[in-house]
Amino acid sequence: MSDASTYKSFLKSPYYSLKHTSYFPIYDELLQKFVGHPIIFLEVGILDGGSLFMWRDFLGENARIIGVDLNPEAIKWREHGFEIFIGDQSNPDFWENLYGELGDIDILLDDGGHRNDQQMVTVECSLANIRDGGLIIIEDTQTSFMKFDSFKRFSFVNLLIGKISLLYARSTDLKIMPSPYSKCVHSIQFFESVCVLHVDRRKCNTNTRIDNAGVKDYSEDFRYESDGVIQSMLRRIYEYISIDYLSQDRKVNHPFLNRIMENRYLRVSVRCAIIPIRAVIYSWIKLINIISLRRLLSKVKLKSSFK
């Protein structure tokens, strides 16, 4: 921690600031690339003002440092060259008005009230206003696990975990509806007590299968050989009849099936016929998977208990 540049800026600040020791290496990892650039940095929750000076020292004079706080007295920091906005981060109208005035920003750091609703609203209302290559950093997310929060099931961390599946909408292998998250968020990072959304629409491209056009010898697929005879057989049958699309291998190995799938009416008939068969096989595979996984986990726990 003592080697972190942000920690050194933290100590230089002439006014009080409270941070966790684990944050400084995270700050350095995430924010070093922005140092010296003309970015817009917005921090929610400025309290005694110390963090504003910390960020100015670390990011450099080219950075535009903006603070948001609920306390009206926070406007005093304008005298030190900072832009200060007073408002409630849990109020969507506040964010609409703020971004209407500011436009898009590069980095949002939420060090505000730390309540789940405040963190949720802040992220949901800010996502569209983060520039490509920018970040949303939410601090003190350990509050999602504190006992005083009566709606832990609907905590901010759980909300963000639920958003992970939305990123997979970019995969052509899945049928997940696109969302603002799949269109804007390139990746989500979880640290201890810190969550980060990396926003970059340029990188949120559709994920399609490609090959390198190299020579293929059609080697036998052994991925299921360790699953046992029954499980391996069921998996192979299920994969064989899952003909939502034909791979190049299948077109080569099964020209008759390829001709059927090229006919729209025959393709629909075949798919309708295999749906119930596929459902039954899938249920058996799932059941065997659950049983096997529980046995495996029990063995792992048993071994670890002897160490």
Protein backbone atom coordinates (compact mmCIF):
# COMPACT_ATOMS: atom_id res chain seq x y z
CA MET A 1 0.00 0.00 0.00
CA SER A 2 2.78 2.44 0.88
CA ASP A 3 4.10 2.22 -2.70
CA ALA A 4 0.75 3.16 -4.24
CA SER A 5 0.71 6.57 -5.90
CA THR A 6 -2.85 7.17 -4.75
CA TYR A 7 -1.81 6.49 -1.15
CA LYS A 8 0.89 9.15 -1.41
CA SER A 9 -1.68 11.62 -2.76
CA PHE A 10 -4.01 10.60 0.07
CA LEU A 11 -1.37 11.55 2.65
CA LYS A 12 -0.67 14.87 0.89
CA SER A 13 -4.28 16.05 1.11
CA PRO A 14 -4.58 18.97 3.53
CA TYR A 15 -8.11 17.97 4.57
CA TYR A 16 -9.50 14.89 6.24
CA SER A 17 -10.31 11.79 4.18
CA LEU A 18 -11.15 8.24 5.26
CA LYS A 19 -10.29 5.26 3.04
CA HIS A 20 -9.67 1.52 3.40
CA THR A 21 -6.11 0.27 2.98
CA SER A 22 -7.08 -2.23 0.28
CA TYR A 23 -8.41 0.54 -1.99
CA PHE A 24 -5.12 2.17 -2.94
CA PRO A 25 -3.62 -0.69 -5.00
CA ILE A 26 -7.01 -0.97 -6.73
CA TYR A 27 -7.02 2.76 -7.49
CA ASP A 28 -3.53 2.54 -8.96
CA GLU A 29 -4.43 -0.44 -11.13
CA LEU A 30 -7.58 1.17 -12.49
CA LEU A 31 -6.69 4.84 -12.75
CA GLN A 32 -3.00 5.08 -13.64
CA LYS A 33 -3.81 5.26 -17.36
CA PHE A 34 -5.87 8.42 -16.80
CA VAL A 35 -3.12 10.41 -15.07
CA GLY A 36 -2.28 13.63 -16.91
CA HIS A 37 -5.22 13.39 -19.33
CA PRO A 38 -8.09 15.91 -19.64
CA ILE A 39 -10.76 13.67 -18.10
CA ILE A 40 -13.92 14.37 -16.12
CA PHE A 41 -13.80 12.67 -12.72
CA LEU A 42 -16.92 12.70 -10.56
CA GLU A 43 -16.91 11.57 -6.93
CA VAL A 44 -20.10 11.01 -4.94
CA GLY A 45 -19.65 11.72 -1.24
CA ILE A 46 -16.98 14.30 -0.41
CA LEU A 47 -17.62 14.92 3.31
CA ASP A 48 -14.57 16.86 4.61
CA GLY A 49 -13.15 17.46 1.14
CA GLY A 50 -9.90 15.54 1.56
CA SER A 51 -10.51 13.14 -1.31
CA LEU A 52 -11.04 16.00 -3.78
CA PHE A 53 -7.47 17.19 -3.18
CA MET A 54 -6.24 13.62 -3.31
CA TRP A 55 -7.70 13.09 -6.78
CA ARG A 56 -6.44 16.44 -8.04
CA ASP A 57 -2.90 15.58 -6.92
CA PHE A 58 -3.02 12.07 -8.38
CA LEU A 59 -4.80 12.73 -11.70
CA GLY A 60 -3.05 16.01 -12.44
CA GLU A 61 -4.10 19.53 -13.34
CA ASN A 62 -5.74 18.49 -16.61
CA ALA A 63 -8.42 16.50 -14.79
CA ARG A 64 -11.77 18.14 -14.09
CA ILE A 65 -12.69 17.11 -10.53
CA ILE A 66 -16.39 17.22 -9.64
CA GLY A 67 -17.92 16.46 -6.26
CA VAL A 68 -21.48 15.45 -5.36
CA ASP A 69 -22.84 15.59 -1.83
CA LEU A 70 -26.14 15.84 0.01
CA ASN A 71 -24.79 18.38 2.49
CA PRO A 72 -25.46 21.97 1.23
CA GLU A 73 -22.32 23.19 3.04
CA ALA A 74 -20.18 21.21 0.61
CA ILE A 75 -20.38 24.11 -1.84
CA LYS A 76 -17.52 25.70 0.14
CA TRP A 77 -15.10 23.50 -1.82
CA ARG A 78 -15.88 25.54 -4.93
CA GLU A 79 -13.51 28.14 -3.49
CA HIS A 80 -10.69 25.64 -4.04
CA GLY A 81 -11.47 25.21 -7.73
CA PHE A 82 -13.72 22.15 -7.55
CA GLU A 83 -17.14 21.87 -9.15
CA ILE A 84 -19.69 20.91 -6.51
CA PHE A 85 -23.27 19.71 -6.96
CA ILE A 86 -25.71 19.23 -4.12
CA GLY A 87 -28.25 16.44 -4.47
CA ASP A 88 -29.56 13.04 -3.42
CA GLN A 89 -27.85 10.17 -5.26
CA SER A 90 -30.88 7.94 -4.68
CA ASN A 91 -33.06 10.34 -6.67
CA PRO A 92 -33.13 9.59 -10.44
CA ASP A 93 -34.26 13.16 -11.16
CA PHE A 94 -31.05 14.49 -9.62
CA TRP A 95 -28.94 12.41 -12.01
CA GLU A 96 -31.02 13.38 -15.01
CA ASN A 97 -30.54 17.07 -14.21
CA LEU A 98 -26.85 16.63 -13.42
CA TYR A 99 -25.96 14.87 -16.66
CA GLY A 100 -28.19 17.30 -18.53
CA GLU A 101 -25.83 20.00 -17.34
CA LEU A 102 -22.51 18.12 -17.38
CA GLY A 103 -22.90 15.82 -20.35
CA ASP A 104 -20.85 12.62 -20.40
CA ILE A 105 -18.03 11.91 -17.96
CA ASP A 106 -15.07 9.54 -17.83
CA ILE A 107 -15.02 8.20 -14.28
CA LEU A 108 -17.68 7.94 -11.60
CA LEU A 109 -16.50 7.04 -8.10
CA ASP A 110 -19.32 6.28 -5.67
CA ASP A 111 -18.17 6.89 -2.10
CA GLY A 112 -21.55 8.23 -1.01
CA GLY A 113 -24.09 6.85 1.42
CA HIS A 114 -23.21 3.17 0.74
CA ARG A 115 -26.85 2.09 0.94
CA ASN A 116 -27.98 -0.48 -1.60
CA ASP A 117 -30.64 1.77 -3.10
CA GLN A 118 -28.15 4.64 -3.45
CA GLN A 119 -25.58 2.46 -5.21
CA MET A 120 -28.21 0.90 -7.47
CA VAL A 121 -29.72 4.21 -8.58
CA THR A 122 -26.29 5.79 -9.08
CA VAL A 123 -25.13 3.03 -11.43
CA GLU A 124 -28.42 2.64 -13.32
CA CYS A 125 -28.73 6.39 -13.91
CA SER A 126 -25.07 6.92 -14.85
CA LEU A 127 -24.34 4.03 -17.18
CA ALA A 128 -25.45 5.81 -20.36
CA ASN A 129 -23.35 8.87 -19.48
CA ILE A 130 -19.94 7.19 -19.11
CA ARG A 131 -17.63 7.67 -22.07
CA ASP A 132 -16.01 4.73 -23.83
CA GLY A 133 -12.97 3.60 -21.90
CA GLY A 134 -14.43 5.01 -18.70
CA LEU A 135 -15.24 3.45 -15.35
CA ILE A 136 -17.90 3.27 -12.67
CA ILE A 137 -16.23 2.47 -9.34
CA ILE A 138 -18.43 1.67 -6.36
CA GLU A 139 -16.72 1.64 -2.98
CA ASP A 140 -17.76 0.10 0.33
CA THR A 141 -19.89 -2.62 -1.23
CA GLN A 142 -19.36 -4.68 1.91
CA THR A 143 -22.61 -3.03 3.02
CA SER A 144 -24.39 -5.56 0.80
CA PHE A 145 -23.49 -8.20 3.40
CA MET A 146 -24.15 -6.29 6.62
CA LYS A 147 -26.92 -7.54 8.90
CA PHE A 148 -28.65 -4.20 9.29
CA ASP A 149 -29.72 -4.37 5.68
CA SER A 150 -33.10 -6.12 5.72
CA PHE A 151 -33.15 -6.68 1.94
CA LYS A 152 -29.84 -8.51 1.56
CA ARG A 153 -31.28 -10.70 -1.20
CA PHE A 154 -31.75 -7.55 -3.26
CA SER A 155 -28.41 -6.00 -2.39
CA PHE A 156 -26.30 -4.01 -4.81
CA VAL A 157 -23.71 -6.79 -5.15
CA ASN A 158 -26.43 -9.32 -5.95
CA LEU A 159 -27.88 -6.89 -8.49
CA LEU A 160 -24.49 -6.61 -10.18
CA ILE A 161 -23.95 -10.37 -10.14
CA GLY A 162 -27.30 -10.69 -11.89
CA LYS A 163 -26.05 -8.33 -14.60
CA ILE A 164 -23.19 -10.67 -15.54
CA SER A 165 -25.53 -12.89 -17.54
CA LEU A 166 -26.59 -9.86 -19.59
CA LEU A 167 -23.05 -9.50 -20.94
CA TYR A 168 -23.48 -12.92 -22.55
CA ALA A 169 -26.16 -11.46 -24.83
CA ARG A 170 -23.23 -10.70 -27.13
CA SER A 171 -22.73 -14.44 -27.71
CA THR A 172 -24.47 -15.86 -30.78
CA ASP A 173 -24.56 -19.24 -28.99
CA LEU A 174 -27.19 -17.90 -26.57
CA LYS A 175 -30.61 -16.37 -26.86
CA ILE A 176 -30.35 -13.49 -24.37
CA MET A 177 -31.98 -10.19 -25.20
CA PRO A 178 -29.57 -7.26 -25.59
CA SER A 179 -29.65 -4.68 -22.81
CA PRO A 180 -27.86 -1.43 -21.88
CA TYR A 181 -25.35 -3.59 -20.00
CA SER A 182 -24.54 -5.82 -22.98
CA LYS A 183 -24.26 -2.76 -25.21
CA CYS A 184 -22.18 -0.57 -22.86
CA VAL A 185 -20.37 -2.67 -20.25
CA HIS A 186 -17.37 -4.55 -21.56
CA SER A 187 -16.56 -6.21 -18.24
CA ILE A 188 -17.36 -6.20 -14.52
CA GLN A 189 -14.70 -6.55 -11.83
CA PHE A 190 -15.20 -7.56 -8.20
CA PHE A 191 -12.64 -6.69 -5.54
CA GLU A 192 -13.05 -6.92 -1.79
CA SER A 193 -15.50 -4.08 -1.00
CA VAL A 194 -15.12 -2.53 -4.47
CA CYS A 195 -17.04 -3.22 -7.68
CA VAL A 196 -16.04 -1.83 -11.07
CA LEU A 197 -17.88 -1.53 -14.38
CA HIS A 198 -15.66 -1.05 -17.43
CA VAL A 199 -17.66 0.88 -20.00
CA ASP A 200 -16.59 0.64 -23.63
CA ARG A 201 -19.18 0.31 -26.39
CA ARG A 202 -16.40 -0.17 -28.95
CA LYS A 203 -15.50 -3.50 -27.37
CA CYS A 204 -19.06 -4.78 -26.89
CA ASN A 205 -19.05 -6.63 -30.19
CA THR A 206 -21.14 -9.65 -31.13
CA ASN A 207 -19.24 -12.85 -30.41
CA THR A 208 -19.38 -15.24 -33.36
CA ARG A 209 -17.58 -18.49 -34.12
CA ILE A 210 -14.74 -18.39 -36.63
CA ASP A 211 -12.04 -20.78 -37.76
CA ASN A 212 -8.61 -20.25 -39.24
CA ALA A 213 -9.32 -22.25 -42.44
CA GLY A 214 -6.53 -24.66 -41.51
CA VAL A 215 -6.45 -28.35 -42.45
CA LYS A 216 -8.85 -30.38 -40.31
CA ASP A 217 -8.40 -34.10 -39.74
CA TYR A 218 -11.79 -34.56 -37.98
CA SER A 219 -10.32 -36.01 -34.79
CA GLU A 220 -12.72 -37.77 -32.45
CA ASP A 221 -14.05 -35.56 -29.66
CA PHE A 222 -13.04 -37.01 -26.27
CA ARG A 223 -14.48 -34.28 -24.03
CA TYR A 224 -17.08 -36.61 -22.48
CA GLU A 225 -14.89 -39.68 -22.00
CA SER A 226 -14.35 -39.00 -18.28
CA ASP A 227 -18.09 -38.74 -17.55
CA GLY A 228 -18.83 -42.44 -17.52
CA VAL A 229 -20.56 -44.61 -20.12
CA ILE A 230 -24.17 -43.50 -19.50
CA GLN A 231 -23.43 -39.80 -19.15
CA SER A 232 -21.12 -39.82 -22.16
CA MET A 233 -23.74 -41.57 -24.29
CA LEU A 234 -26.52 -39.18 -23.26
CA ARG A 235 -24.36 -36.13 -23.91
CA ARG A 236 -23.38 -37.36 -27.37
CA ILE A 237 -27.00 -38.10 -28.28
CA TYR A 238 -28.15 -34.73 -26.97
CA GLU A 239 -25.46 -32.88 -28.88
CA TYR A 240 -26.17 -34.88 -32.01
CA ILE A 241 -29.87 -33.99 -32.07
CA SER A 242 -29.33 -30.36 -31.03
CA ILE A 243 -29.35 -29.16 -34.60
CA ASP A 244 -30.22 -25.50 -34.17
CA TYR A 245 -27.36 -24.93 -36.56
CA LEU A 246 -25.06 -27.23 -38.52
CA SER A 247 -21.35 -27.04 -37.88
CA GLN A 248 -18.94 -27.51 -40.74
CA ASP A 249 -18.05 -30.93 -39.31
CA ARG A 250 -21.64 -32.08 -39.43
CA LYS A 251 -22.12 -30.79 -42.97
CA VAL A 252 -19.14 -32.85 -44.08
CA ASN A 253 -19.97 -36.00 -42.10
CA HIS A 254 -23.75 -35.94 -42.67
CA PRO A 255 -24.56 -34.60 -46.14
CA PHE A 256 -28.10 -36.09 -46.01
CA LEU A 257 -28.86 -34.22 -42.78
CA ASN A 258 -27.40 -31.10 -44.33
CA ARG A 259 -29.84 -31.34 -47.27
CA ILE A 260 -32.75 -31.72 -44.84
CA MET A 261 -31.71 -28.67 -42.84
CA GLU A 262 -31.43 -26.57 -45.97
CA ASN A 263 -35.15 -27.16 -46.63
CA ARG A 264 -37.17 -24.86 -44.38
CA TYR A 265 -40.22 -27.12 -43.99
CA LEU A 266 -38.21 -30.26 -43.34
CA ARG A 267 -36.04 -28.35 -40.87
CA VAL A 268 -39.11 -27.24 -38.88
CA SER A 269 -40.54 -30.79 -38.89
CA VAL A 270 -37.30 -32.30 -37.65
CA ARG A 271 -36.95 -29.73 -34.88
CA CYS A 272 -40.55 -30.28 -33.69
CA ALA A 273 -39.95 -34.04 -33.55
CA ILE A 274 -36.76 -33.85 -31.53
CA ILE A 275 -37.93 -31.25 -28.98
CA PRO A 276 -39.59 -33.77 -26.57
CA ILE A 277 -36.71 -36.24 -26.99
CA ARG A 278 -34.20 -33.53 -26.24
CA ALA A 279 -36.18 -32.41 -23.16
CA VAL A 280 -36.13 -35.92 -21.67
CA ILE A 281 -32.43 -36.44 -22.33
CA TYR A 282 -31.62 -32.99 -20.96
CA SER A 283 -33.49 -33.77 -17.71
CA TRP A 284 -31.52 -36.96 -17.22
CA ILE A 285 -28.21 -35.22 -17.96
CA LYS A 286 -29.05 -32.49 -15.46
CA LEU A 287 -29.99 -35.00 -12.77
CA ILE A 288 -26.82 -37.02 -13.24
CA ASN A 289 -24.77 -33.80 -13.25
CA ILE A 290 -26.23 -32.73 -9.90
CA ILE A 291 -25.57 -36.13 -8.32
CA SER A 292 -22.02 -36.28 -9.70
CA LEU A 293 -21.24 -32.71 -8.64
CA ARG A 294 -22.43 -33.29 -5.08
CA ARG A 295 -20.33 -36.43 -4.80
CA LEU A 296 -17.29 -34.61 -6.17
CA LEU A 297 -17.71 -31.65 -3.81
CA SER A 298 -18.12 -33.94 -0.82
CA LYS A 299 -14.83 -35.66 -1.73
CA VAL A 300 -13.06 -32.30 -2.11
CA LYS A 301 -14.35 -31.10 1.29
CA LEU A 302 -13.33 -34.38 2.90
CA LYS A 303 -9.79 -34.11 1.54
CA SER A 304 -9.45 -30.44 2.53
CA SER A 305 -10.57 -31.21 6.10
CA PHE A 306 -7.51 -33.46 6.56
CA LYS A 307 -5.03 -30.78 5.51
